[in-house]
Amino acid sequence: MAQLVVRNLEDDVKARLQDRAKRHRHSLEEEVRDILRNAALAEEKPRGGLGSEIAALFKEVGFEEGEIQEFRGYPVQPAKFDE
């Protein structure tokens, strides 16, 4: 079995872990092992780029293709706030 040393852990984090261990009737070591075990088993879903994330948020809106004008190839103009 491997061992892991965690240095410079904040005192309040250790206290919260000890409280959590008491609630679960575990030792501090067993509680941390459970947390690490569960974190390692959790499957992370791959994140897309910003555009993909925004598109996923609004996928149910129902835009038809071509409804939103695309601005590729147009020169960028700075905003005018004095008019």
PDB file of N, CA and C in Angstrom:
ATOM      1  N   MET A   1       0.844  -1.187   0.000  1.00  0.00           N
ATOM      2  CA  MET A   1       0.000   0.000   0.000  1.00  0.00           C
ATOM      3  C   MET A   1       0.886   1.246   0.000  1.00  0.00           C
ATOM      4  N   ALA A   2       0.433   2.256  -0.697  1.00  0.00           N
ATOM      5  CA  ALA A   2       1.184   3.514  -0.786  1.00  0.00           C
ATOM      6  C   ALA A   2       0.855   4.417   0.393  1.00  0.00           C
ATOM      7  N   GLN A   3       1.761   5.328   0.647  1.00  0.00           N
ATOM      8  CA  GLN A   3       1.541   6.333   1.678  1.00  0.00           C
ATOM      9  C   GLN A   3       1.602   7.700   1.024  1.00  0.00           C
ATOM     10  N   LEU A   4       0.883   8.640   1.594  1.00  0.00           N
ATOM     11  CA  LEU A   4       0.833   9.996   1.065  1.00  0.00           C
ATOM     12  C   LEU A   4       0.947  10.967   2.228  1.00  0.00           C
ATOM     13  N   VAL A   5       1.835  11.931   2.106  1.00  0.00           N
ATOM     14  CA  VAL A   5       2.001  12.960   3.131  1.00  0.00           C
ATOM     15  C   VAL A   5       1.513  14.268   2.539  1.00  0.00           C
ATOM     16  N   VAL A   6       0.646  14.945   3.261  1.00  0.00           N
ATOM     17  CA  VAL A   6       0.132  16.233   2.806  1.00  0.00           C
ATOM     18  C   VAL A   6       0.684  17.294   3.748  1.00  0.00           C
ATOM     19  N   ARG A   7       1.507  18.155   3.213  1.00  0.00           N
ATOM     20  CA  ARG A   7       2.115  19.212   4.017  1.00  0.00           C
ATOM     21  C   ARG A   7       1.344  20.510   3.825  1.00  0.00           C
ATOM     22  N   ASN A   8       1.475  21.385   4.798  1.00  0.00           N
ATOM     23  CA  ASN A   8       0.902  22.739   4.747  1.00  0.00           C
ATOM     24  C   ASN A   8      -0.615  22.733   4.580  1.00  0.00           C
ATOM     25  N   LEU A   9      -1.273  21.780   5.198  1.00  0.00           N
ATOM     26  CA  LEU A   9      -2.737  21.736   5.190  1.00  0.00           C
ATOM     27  C   LEU A   9      -3.239  22.715   6.248  1.00  0.00           C
ATOM     28  N   GLU A  10      -4.166  23.551   5.864  1.00  0.00           N
ATOM     29  CA  GLU A  10      -4.689  24.556   6.788  1.00  0.00           C
ATOM     30  C   GLU A  10      -5.356  23.885   7.988  1.00  0.00           C
ATOM     31  N   ASP A  11      -5.212  24.505   9.144  1.00  0.00           N
ATOM     32  CA  ASP A  11      -5.772  23.953  10.381  1.00  0.00           C
ATOM     33  C   ASP A  11      -7.282  23.795  10.295  1.00  0.00           C
ATOM     34  N   ASP A  12      -7.979  24.763   9.674  1.00  0.00           N
ATOM     35  CA  ASP A  12      -9.437  24.665   9.595  1.00  0.00           C
ATOM     36  C   ASP A  12      -9.874  23.524   8.678  1.00  0.00           C
ATOM     37  N   VAL A  13      -9.086  23.226   7.653  1.00  0.00           N
ATOM     38  CA  VAL A  13      -9.411  22.091   6.780  1.00  0.00           C
ATOM     39  C   VAL A  13      -9.280  20.788   7.561  1.00  0.00           C
ATOM     40  N   LYS A  14      -8.209  20.671   8.335  1.00  0.00           N
ATOM     41  CA  LYS A  14      -8.020  19.466   9.152  1.00  0.00           C
ATOM     42  C   LYS A  14      -9.166  19.320  10.152  1.00  0.00           C
ATOM     43  N   ALA A  15      -9.568  20.423  10.769  1.00  0.00           N
ATOM     44  CA  ALA A  15     -10.655  20.372  11.747  1.00  0.00           C
ATOM     45  C   ALA A  15     -11.963  19.931  11.087  1.00  0.00           C
ATOM     46  N   ARG A  16     -12.230  20.445   9.885  1.00  0.00           N
ATOM     47  CA  ARG A  16     -13.458  20.041   9.184  1.00  0.00           C
ATOM     48  C   ARG A  16     -13.416  18.571   8.797  1.00  0.00           C
ATOM     49  N   LEU A  17     -12.238  18.099   8.400  1.00  0.00           N
ATOM     50  CA  LEU A  17     -12.100  16.679   8.078  1.00  0.00           C
ATOM     51  C   LEU A  17     -12.298  15.812   9.315  1.00  0.00           C
ATOM     52  N   GLN A  18     -11.776  16.265  10.451  1.00  0.00           N
ATOM     53  CA  GLN A  18     -11.968  15.514  11.696  1.00  0.00           C
ATOM     54  C   GLN A  18     -13.443  15.473  12.071  1.00  0.00           C
ATOM     55  N   ASP A  19     -14.149  16.603  11.917  1.00  0.00           N
ATOM     56  CA  ASP A  19     -15.587  16.633  12.203  1.00  0.00           C
ATOM     57  C   ASP A  19     -16.344  15.683  11.281  1.00  0.00           C
ATOM     58  N   ARG A  20     -15.977  15.706  10.016  1.00  0.00           N
ATOM     59  CA  ARG A  20     -16.621  14.819   9.042  1.00  0.00           C
ATOM     60  C   ARG A  20     -16.366  13.355   9.391  1.00  0.00           C
ATOM     61  N   ALA A  21     -15.139  13.037   9.791  1.00  0.00           N
ATOM     62  CA  ALA A  21     -14.798  11.671  10.181  1.00  0.00           C
ATOM     63  C   ALA A  21     -15.633  11.228  11.387  1.00  0.00           C
ATOM     64  N   LYS A  22     -15.796  12.120  12.363  1.00  0.00           N
ATOM     65  CA  LYS A  22     -16.615  11.780  13.538  1.00  0.00           C
ATOM     66  C   LYS A  22     -18.062  11.501  13.142  1.00  0.00           C
ATOM     67  N   ARG A  23     -18.602  12.339  12.229  1.00  0.00           N
ATOM     68  CA  ARG A  23     -19.988  12.127  11.782  1.00  0.00           C
ATOM     69  C   ARG A  23     -20.152  10.777  11.097  1.00  0.00           C
ATOM     70  N   HIS A  24     -19.124  10.348  10.370  1.00  0.00           N
ATOM     71  CA  HIS A  24     -19.183   9.071   9.656  1.00  0.00           C
ATOM     72  C   HIS A  24     -18.641   7.914  10.488  1.00  0.00           C
ATOM     73  N   ARG A  25     -18.250   8.221  11.719  1.00  0.00           N
ATOM     74  CA  ARG A  25     -17.693   7.211  12.635  1.00  0.00           C
ATOM     75  C   ARG A  25     -16.472   6.526  12.049  1.00  0.00           C
ATOM     76  N   HIS A  26     -15.607   7.344  11.429  1.00  0.00           N
ATOM     77  CA  HIS A  26     -14.342   6.876  10.869  1.00  0.00           C
ATOM     78  C   HIS A  26     -13.203   7.574  11.584  1.00  0.00           C
ATOM     79  N   SER A  27     -12.032   6.995  11.437  1.00  0.00           N
ATOM     80  CA  SER A  27     -10.831   7.722  11.856  1.00  0.00           C
ATOM     81  C   SER A  27     -10.563   8.786  10.791  1.00  0.00           C
ATOM     82  N   LEU A  28      -9.730   9.748  11.119  1.00  0.00           N
ATOM     83  CA  LEU A  28      -9.376  10.786  10.150  1.00  0.00           C
ATOM     84  C   LEU A  28      -8.728  10.152   8.924  1.00  0.00           C
ATOM     85  N   GLU A  29      -7.839   9.191   9.145  1.00  0.00           N
ATOM     86  CA  GLU A  29      -7.178   8.527   8.015  1.00  0.00           C
ATOM     87  C   GLU A  29      -8.170   7.828   7.110  1.00  0.00           C
ATOM     88  N   GLU A  30      -9.119   7.106   7.702  1.00  0.00           N
ATOM     89  CA  GLU A  30     -10.104   6.382   6.896  1.00  0.00           C
ATOM     90  C   GLU A  30     -10.995   7.353   6.128  1.00  0.00           C
ATOM     91  N   GLU A  31     -11.352   8.456   6.737  1.00  0.00           N
ATOM     92  CA  GLU A  31     -12.180   9.454   6.061  1.00  0.00           C
ATOM     93  C   GLU A  31     -11.452  10.035   4.853  1.00  0.00           C
ATOM     94  N   VAL A  32     -10.191  10.366   5.024  1.00  0.00           N
ATOM     95  CA  VAL A  32      -9.408  10.915   3.916  1.00  0.00           C
ATOM     96  C   VAL A  32      -9.232   9.867   2.827  1.00  0.00           C
ATOM     97  N   ARG A  33      -9.015   8.594   3.215  1.00  0.00           N
ATOM     98  CA  ARG A  33      -8.920   7.532   2.210  1.00  0.00           C
ATOM     99  C   ARG A  33     -10.205   7.428   1.406  1.00  0.00           C
ATOM    100  N   ASP A  34     -11.347   7.496   2.077  1.00  0.00           N
ATOM    101  CA  ASP A  34     -12.638   7.438   1.370  1.00  0.00           C
ATOM    102  C   ASP A  34     -12.801   8.607   0.406  1.00  0.00           C
ATOM    103  N   ILE A  35     -12.438   9.801   0.867  1.00  0.00           N
ATOM    104  CA  ILE A  35     -12.555  10.986   0.017  1.00  0.00           C
ATOM    105  C   ILE A  35     -11.675  10.828  -1.221  1.00  0.00           C
ATOM    106  N   LEU A  36     -10.434  10.418  -1.021  1.00  0.00           N
ATOM    107  CA  LEU A  36      -9.515  10.250  -2.152  1.00  0.00           C
ATOM    108  C   LEU A  36      -9.960   9.128  -3.083  1.00  0.00           C
ATOM    109  N   ARG A  37     -10.432   8.030  -2.508  1.00  0.00           N
ATOM    110  CA  ARG A  37     -10.919   6.902  -3.309  1.00  0.00           C
ATOM    111  C   ARG A  37     -12.077   7.340  -4.194  1.00  0.00           C
ATOM    112  N   ASN A  38     -13.039   8.051  -3.609  1.00  0.00           N
ATOM    113  CA  ASN A  38     -14.202   8.512  -4.363  1.00  0.00           C
ATOM    114  C   ASN A  38     -13.810   9.539  -5.424  1.00  0.00           C
ATOM    115  N   ALA A  39     -12.869  10.412  -5.095  1.00  0.00           N
ATOM    116  CA  ALA A  39     -12.429  11.411  -6.072  1.00  0.00           C
ATOM    117  C   ALA A  39     -11.729  10.744  -7.250  1.00  0.00           C
ATOM    118  N   ALA A  40     -10.951   9.700  -6.974  1.00  0.00           N
ATOM    119  CA  ALA A  40     -10.235   9.014  -8.046  1.00  0.00           C
ATOM    120  C   ALA A  40     -11.189   8.204  -8.920  1.00  0.00           C
ATOM    121  N   LEU A  41     -12.287   7.740  -8.355  1.00  0.00           N
ATOM    122  CA  LEU A  41     -13.251   6.951  -9.126  1.00  0.00           C
ATOM    123  C   LEU A  41     -14.215   7.819  -9.933  1.00  0.00           C
ATOM    124  N   ALA A  42     -14.397   9.048  -9.490  1.00  0.00           N
ATOM    125  CA  ALA A  42     -15.338   9.930 -10.173  1.00  0.00           C
ATOM    126  C   ALA A  42     -14.873  10.152 -11.603  1.00  0.00           C
ATOM    127  N   GLU A  43     -15.789   9.948 -12.507  1.00  0.00           N
ATOM    128  CA  GLU A  43     -15.462  10.111 -13.918  1.00  0.00           C
ATOM    129  C   GLU A  43     -15.641  11.571 -14.307  1.00  0.00           C
ATOM    130  N   GLU A  44     -14.581  12.174 -14.766  1.00  0.00           N
ATOM    131  CA  GLU A  44     -14.677  13.560 -15.198  1.00  0.00           C
ATOM    132  C   GLU A  44     -15.128  13.589 -16.642  1.00  0.00           C
ATOM    133  N   LYS A  45     -16.138  14.425 -16.914  1.00  0.00           N
ATOM    134  CA  LYS A  45     -16.552  14.556 -18.298  1.00  0.00           C
ATOM    135  C   LYS A  45     -15.642  15.588 -18.957  1.00  0.00           C
ATOM    136  N   PRO A  46     -15.226  15.315 -20.163  1.00  0.00           N
ATOM    137  CA  PRO A  46     -14.335  16.260 -20.834  1.00  0.00           C
ATOM    138  C   PRO A  46     -15.056  17.572 -21.092  1.00  0.00           C
ATOM    139  N   ARG A  47     -14.361  18.657 -20.843  1.00  0.00           N
ATOM    140  CA  ARG A  47     -14.934  19.975 -21.059  1.00  0.00           C
ATOM    141  C   ARG A  47     -14.630  20.426 -22.471  1.00  0.00           C
ATOM    142  N   GLY A  48     -15.595  21.104 -23.053  1.00  0.00           N
ATOM    143  CA  GLY A  48     -15.384  21.671 -24.376  1.00  0.00           C
ATOM    144  C   GLY A  48     -14.854  23.070 -24.249  1.00  0.00           C
ATOM    145  N   GLY A  49     -14.747  23.742 -25.360  1.00  0.00           N
ATOM    146  CA  GLY A  49     -14.329  25.129 -25.342  1.00  0.00           C
ATOM    147  C   GLY A  49     -15.472  26.011 -24.871  1.00  0.00           C
ATOM    148  N   LEU A  50     -15.219  27.298 -24.764  1.00  0.00           N
ATOM    149  CA  LEU A  50     -16.228  28.237 -24.291  1.00  0.00           C
ATOM    150  C   LEU A  50     -17.463  28.219 -25.174  1.00  0.00           C
ATOM    151  N   GLY A  51     -17.257  28.218 -26.484  1.00  0.00           N
ATOM    152  CA  GLY A  51     -18.398  28.192 -27.411  1.00  0.00           C
ATOM    153  C   GLY A  51     -19.248  26.950 -27.223  1.00  0.00           C
ATOM    154  N   SER A  52     -18.611  25.818 -27.026  1.00  0.00           N
ATOM    155  CA  SER A  52     -19.344  24.569 -26.811  1.00  0.00           C
ATOM    156  C   SER A  52     -20.128  24.608 -25.507  1.00  0.00           C
ATOM    157  N   GLU A  53     -19.512  25.184 -24.467  1.00  0.00           N
ATOM    158  CA  GLU A  53     -20.191  25.301 -23.175  1.00  0.00           C
ATOM    159  C   GLU A  53     -21.426  26.206 -23.294  1.00  0.00           C
ATOM    160  N   ILE A  54     -21.284  27.336 -23.984  1.00  0.00           N
ATOM    161  CA  ILE A  54     -22.416  28.253 -24.161  1.00  0.00           C
ATOM    162  C   ILE A  54     -23.502  27.589 -24.999  1.00  0.00           C
ATOM    163  N   ALA A  55     -23.116  26.911 -26.077  1.00  0.00           N
ATOM    164  CA  ALA A  55     -24.088  26.227 -26.929  1.00  0.00           C
ATOM    165  C   ALA A  55     -24.863  25.176 -26.137  1.00  0.00           C
ATOM    166  N   ALA A  56     -24.174  24.456 -25.254  1.00  0.00           N
ATOM    167  CA  ALA A  56     -24.838  23.439 -24.440  1.00  0.00           C
ATOM    168  C   ALA A  56     -25.863  24.069 -23.499  1.00  0.00           C
ATOM    169  N   LEU A  57     -25.555  25.266 -22.972  1.00  0.00           N
ATOM    170  CA  LEU A  57     -26.494  25.949 -22.079  1.00  0.00           C
ATOM    171  C   LEU A  57     -27.792  26.326 -22.792  1.00  0.00           C
ATOM    172  N   PHE A  58     -27.689  26.665 -24.069  1.00  0.00           N
ATOM    173  CA  PHE A  58     -28.846  27.173 -24.803  1.00  0.00           C
ATOM    174  C   PHE A  58     -29.354  26.206 -25.862  1.00  0.00           C
ATOM    175  N   LYS A  59     -29.018  24.918 -25.760  1.00  0.00           N
ATOM    176  CA  LYS A  59     -29.394  23.961 -26.799  1.00  0.00           C
ATOM    177  C   LYS A  59     -30.906  23.766 -26.919  1.00  0.00           C
ATOM    178  N   GLU A  60     -31.650  24.041 -25.863  1.00  0.00           N
ATOM    179  CA  GLU A  60     -33.095  23.846 -25.888  1.00  0.00           C
ATOM    180  C   GLU A  60     -33.858  25.056 -26.434  1.00  0.00           C
ATOM    181  N   VAL A  61     -33.160  26.137 -26.753  1.00  0.00           N
ATOM    182  CA  VAL A  61     -33.828  27.360 -27.216  1.00  0.00           C
ATOM    183  C   VAL A  61     -34.495  27.134 -28.558  1.00  0.00           C
ATOM    184  N   GLY A  62     -33.876  26.395 -29.421  1.00  0.00           N
ATOM    185  CA  GLY A  62     -34.503  26.047 -30.682  1.00  0.00           C
ATOM    186  C   GLY A  62     -34.210  26.977 -31.840  1.00  0.00           C
ATOM    187  N   PHE A  63     -33.047  27.551 -31.919  1.00  0.00           N
ATOM    188  CA  PHE A  63     -32.689  28.360 -33.075  1.00  0.00           C
ATOM    189  C   PHE A  63     -32.547  27.469 -34.295  1.00  0.00           C
ATOM    190  N   GLU A  64     -33.009  27.974 -35.411  1.00  0.00           N
ATOM    191  CA  GLU A  64     -32.790  27.282 -36.672  1.00  0.00           C
ATOM    192  C   GLU A  64     -31.460  27.756 -37.229  1.00  0.00           C
ATOM    193  N   GLU A  65     -30.790  26.896 -37.957  1.00  0.00           N
ATOM    194  CA  GLU A  65     -29.506  27.283 -38.530  1.00  0.00           C
ATOM    195  C   GLU A  65     -29.698  28.452 -39.478  1.00  0.00           C
ATOM    196  N   GLY A  66     -28.852  29.419 -39.373  1.00  0.00           N
ATOM    197  CA  GLY A  66     -28.937  30.584 -40.233  1.00  0.00           C
ATOM    198  C   GLY A  66     -29.693  31.745 -39.615  1.00  0.00           C
ATOM    199  N   GLU A  67     -30.340  31.559 -38.462  1.00  0.00           N
ATOM    200  CA  GLU A  67     -31.080  32.643 -37.820  1.00  0.00           C
ATOM    201  C   GLU A  67     -30.166  33.685 -37.203  1.00  0.00           C
ATOM    202  N   ILE A  68     -28.986  33.270 -36.806  1.00  0.00           N
ATOM    203  CA  ILE A  68     -28.052  34.194 -36.168  1.00  0.00           C
ATOM    204  C   ILE A  68     -26.993  34.562 -37.190  1.00  0.00           C
ATOM    205  N   GLN A  69     -26.869  35.864 -37.429  1.00  0.00           N
ATOM    206  CA  GLN A  69     -25.902  36.329 -38.408  1.00  0.00           C
ATOM    207  C   GLN A  69     -24.488  36.086 -37.916  1.00  0.00           C
ATOM    208  N   GLU A  70     -23.640  35.605 -38.799  1.00  0.00           N
ATOM    209  CA  GLU A  70     -22.257  35.361 -38.450  1.00  0.00           C
ATOM    210  C   GLU A  70     -21.432  36.558 -38.880  1.00  0.00           C
ATOM    211  N   PHE A  71     -20.491  36.971 -38.072  1.00  0.00           N
ATOM    212  CA  PHE A  71     -19.715  38.173 -38.336  1.00  0.00           C
ATOM    213  C   PHE A  71     -18.266  37.887 -38.721  1.00  0.00           C
ATOM    214  N   ARG A  72     -17.958  36.709 -39.146  1.00  0.00           N
ATOM    215  CA  ARG A  72     -16.588  36.412 -39.562  1.00  0.00           C
ATOM    216  C   ARG A  72     -16.268  37.210 -40.819  1.00  0.00           C
ATOM    217  N   GLY A  73     -15.075  37.762 -40.859  1.00  0.00           N
ATOM    218  CA  GLY A  73     -14.630  38.500 -42.024  1.00  0.00           C
ATOM    219  C   GLY A  73     -14.960  39.976 -41.979  1.00  0.00           C
ATOM    220  N   TYR A  74     -15.754  40.411 -41.017  1.00  0.00           N
ATOM    221  CA  TYR A  74     -16.074  41.832 -40.886  1.00  0.00           C
ATOM    222  C   TYR A  74     -15.040  42.484 -39.977  1.00  0.00           C
ATOM    223  N   PRO A  75     -14.658  43.720 -40.256  1.00  0.00           N
ATOM    224  CA  PRO A  75     -13.693  44.387 -39.375  1.00  0.00           C
ATOM    225  C   PRO A  75     -14.319  44.696 -38.017  1.00  0.00           C
ATOM    226  N   VAL A  76     -13.527  44.610 -36.993  1.00  0.00           N
ATOM    227  CA  VAL A  76     -13.993  44.889 -35.643  1.00  0.00           C
ATOM    228  C   VAL A  76     -14.019  46.402 -35.444  1.00  0.00           C
ATOM    229  N   GLN A  77     -15.137  46.921 -34.970  1.00  0.00           N
ATOM    230  CA  GLN A  77     -15.280  48.357 -34.722  1.00  0.00           C
ATOM    231  C   GLN A  77     -15.391  48.580 -33.216  1.00  0.00           C
ATOM    232  N   PRO A  78     -14.642  49.552 -32.698  1.00  0.00           N
ATOM    233  CA  PRO A  78     -14.755  49.830 -31.268  1.00  0.00           C
ATOM    234  C   PRO A  78     -16.118  50.446 -30.938  1.00  0.00           C
ATOM    235  N   ALA A  79     -16.571  50.210 -29.730  1.00  0.00           N
ATOM    236  CA  ALA A  79     -17.859  50.777 -29.279  1.00  0.00           C
ATOM    237  C   ALA A  79     -17.740  52.291 -29.182  1.00  0.00           C
ATOM    238  N   LYS A  80     -18.825  52.996 -29.501  1.00  0.00           N
ATOM    239  CA  LYS A  80     -18.861  54.458 -29.409  1.00  0.00           C
ATOM    240  C   LYS A  80     -19.797  54.829 -28.270  1.00  0.00           C
ATOM    241  N   PHE A  81     -19.250  55.437 -27.259  1.00  0.00           N
ATOM    242  CA  PHE A  81     -20.039  55.784 -26.085  1.00  0.00           C
ATOM    243  C   PHE A  81     -20.397  57.269 -26.023  1.00  0.00           C
ATOM    244  N   ASP A  82     -19.882  58.069 -26.947  1.00  0.00           N
ATOM    245  CA  ASP A  82     -20.113  59.498 -26.896  1.00  0.00           C
ATOM    246  C   ASP A  82     -21.269  59.954 -27.791  1.00  0.00           C
ATOM    247  N   GLU A  83     -21.978  59.071 -28.398  1.00  0.00           N
ATOM    248  CA  GLU A  83     -23.102  59.439 -29.282  1.00  0.00           C
ATOM    249  C   GLU A  83     -24.422  59.223 -28.603  1.00  0.00           C
TER     250      GLU A  83
END
